[in-house]
């Protein structure tokens, strides 16, 4: 079975970064270079997020709680009010929220036939990376 932490790194975190990239570009009119610096990722990754080549496997747009959290993170990034460790904590918090809302379950089952029908790995609401949330 594919570990949930692997799914998080391959699909959830890129989805979060894509959403943050879009907000920082559209709402705050930041350049790709500025976004890459704030998110601590390569400029080429920012470009891929903005063009929809990366971070598009999960649908998180309709969940209000997730959107409010991402808006808050984007605002703090824009104000340069997040250290590296705080950004990691916020990404982890967003990832945990997305998993707890079963937004990863369909993808997990489509990628791994060994996922049991009663799988509840994501539903604990606990961080997978032991970051206090």
Protein backbone atom coordinates (compact mmCIF):
# COMPACT_ATOMS: atom_id res chain seq x y z
CA UNK A 1 0.00 0.00 0.00
CA UNK A 2 1.26 3.50 -0.83
CA UNK A 3 2.02 5.32 2.44
CA UNK A 4 -0.10 8.40 3.11
CA UNK A 5 3.06 10.46 3.67
CA UNK A 6 4.15 9.64 0.10
CA UNK A 7 0.78 10.74 -1.26
CA UNK A 8 1.05 13.91 0.76
CA UNK A 9 4.45 14.78 -0.66
CA UNK A 10 3.58 13.83 -4.25
CA UNK A 11 0.07 15.30 -4.44
CA UNK A 12 -1.16 17.27 -1.40
CA UNK A 13 1.81 19.60 -0.89
CA UNK A 14 2.01 20.43 -4.62
CA UNK A 15 -1.73 21.18 -4.59
CA UNK A 16 -1.25 23.52 -1.64
CA UNK A 17 1.72 25.21 -3.30
CA UNK A 18 -0.26 25.62 -6.54
CA UNK A 19 -3.10 27.28 -4.64
CA UNK A 20 -0.72 29.58 -2.77
CA UNK A 21 1.14 30.43 -5.98
CA UNK A 22 -2.11 31.38 -7.68
CA UNK A 23 -3.18 33.58 -4.78
CA UNK A 24 0.15 35.34 -4.56
CA UNK A 25 0.13 36.00 -8.31
CA UNK A 26 -3.50 37.05 -8.74
CA UNK A 27 -4.37 38.73 -5.47
CA UNK A 28 -1.02 40.34 -4.71
CA UNK A 29 0.35 40.63 -8.28
CA UNK A 30 3.72 39.17 -7.30
CA UNK A 31 6.32 38.14 -9.85
CA UNK A 32 7.33 34.50 -10.17
CA UNK A 33 10.74 35.23 -8.67
CA UNK A 34 9.14 36.81 -5.60
CA UNK A 35 6.73 33.89 -5.20
CA UNK A 36 9.57 31.39 -5.47
CA UNK A 37 11.48 33.23 -2.75
CA UNK A 38 8.47 33.37 -0.44
CA UNK A 39 7.56 29.70 -0.89
CA UNK A 40 11.20 28.63 -0.94
CA UNK A 41 10.82 26.74 -4.24
CA UNK A 42 12.39 27.08 -7.68
CA UNK A 43 11.01 29.66 -10.11
CA UNK A 44 10.44 26.85 -12.64
CA UNK A 45 8.13 25.15 -10.11
CA UNK A 46 6.19 28.41 -9.73
CA UNK A 47 5.79 28.53 -13.51
CA UNK A 48 4.50 24.96 -13.58
CA UNK A 49 2.02 25.70 -10.79
CA UNK A 50 0.74 28.79 -12.59
CA UNK A 51 0.31 26.98 -15.91
CA UNK A 52 -1.44 23.98 -14.34
CA UNK A 53 1.34 21.50 -15.11
CA UNK A 54 1.85 20.70 -11.44
CA UNK A 55 -0.35 20.49 -8.35
CA UNK A 56 -3.64 19.74 -10.08
CA UNK A 57 -4.52 16.18 -9.01
CA UNK A 58 -6.64 17.14 -5.99
CA UNK A 59 -9.73 19.34 -5.97
CA UNK A 60 -9.67 21.57 -2.91
CA UNK A 61 -11.30 24.70 -4.31
CA UNK A 62 -14.80 24.05 -2.96
CA UNK A 63 -13.92 23.58 0.68
CA UNK A 64 -14.34 26.86 2.52
CA UNK A 65 -12.23 25.91 5.55
CA UNK A 66 -9.28 24.96 3.34
CA UNK A 67 -9.65 28.16 1.30
CA UNK A 68 -9.73 30.35 4.42
CA UNK A 69 -6.56 28.68 5.69
CA UNK A 70 -4.79 29.11 2.34
CA UNK A 71 -5.85 32.78 2.17
CA UNK A 72 -4.38 33.29 5.63
CA UNK A 73 -1.09 31.62 4.67
CA UNK A 74 -0.87 33.66 1.44
CA UNK A 75 -1.46 36.88 3.36
CA UNK A 76 1.25 36.05 5.87
CA UNK A 77 3.63 35.16 3.06
CA UNK A 78 2.92 38.47 1.33
CA UNK A 79 3.59 40.37 4.54
CA UNK A 80 6.76 38.27 4.95
CA UNK A 81 5.39 37.18 8.27
CA UNK A 82 6.44 33.49 8.08
CA UNK A 83 9.80 32.01 8.95
CA UNK A 84 10.91 28.79 7.25
CA UNK A 85 9.77 26.72 10.21
CA UNK A 86 6.45 28.55 10.38
CA UNK A 87 5.88 27.97 6.66
CA UNK A 88 6.58 24.26 7.17
CA UNK A 89 4.11 24.19 10.06
CA UNK A 90 1.43 25.96 7.97
CA UNK A 91 1.94 23.60 5.02
CA UNK A 92 1.63 20.67 7.40
CA UNK A 93 -1.51 22.15 8.93
CA UNK A 94 -3.09 22.59 5.48
CA UNK A 95 -2.07 19.06 4.46
CA UNK A 96 -3.55 17.58 7.63
CA UNK A 97 -6.80 19.50 7.10
CA UNK A 98 -7.10 18.33 3.49
CA UNK A 99 -6.44 14.70 4.47
CA UNK A 100 -8.89 14.85 7.39
CA UNK A 101 -11.64 15.94 4.99
CA UNK A 102 -11.18 12.79 2.86
CA UNK A 103 -9.96 14.80 -0.12
CA UNK A 104 -7.13 12.33 -0.75
CA UNK A 105 -9.12 9.09 -0.41
CA UNK A 106 -10.33 8.86 -4.02
CA UNK A 107 -6.86 9.51 -5.40
CA UNK A 108 -5.31 7.02 -2.98
CA UNK A 109 -7.75 4.31 -4.05
CA UNK A 110 -7.23 5.08 -7.75
CA UNK A 111 -3.46 4.76 -7.40
CA UNK A 112 -3.35 1.75 -5.08
CA UNK A 113 -5.61 -1.27 -5.38
CA UNK A 114 -4.52 -2.47 -1.93
CA UNK A 115 -6.28 0.35 -0.06
CA UNK A 116 -8.95 -1.32 2.07
CA UNK A 117 -12.53 -0.03 1.72
CA UNK A 118 -12.55 0.98 5.40
CA UNK A 119 -9.20 2.80 5.25
CA UNK A 120 -9.03 5.63 7.79
CA UNK A 121 -5.32 6.52 7.70
CA UNK A 122 -5.96 10.18 6.91
CA UNK A 123 -8.90 10.73 9.20
CA UNK A 124 -7.14 11.01 12.53
CA UNK A 125 -6.56 14.72 12.00
CA UNK A 126 -2.99 14.22 13.21
CA UNK A 127 0.08 15.52 11.49
CA UNK A 128 2.13 12.88 9.68
CA UNK A 129 5.34 14.83 10.17
CA UNK A 130 5.10 15.36 13.94
CA UNK A 131 4.81 19.12 13.66
CA UNK A 132 2.65 20.69 16.35
CA UNK A 133 -0.43 22.09 14.67
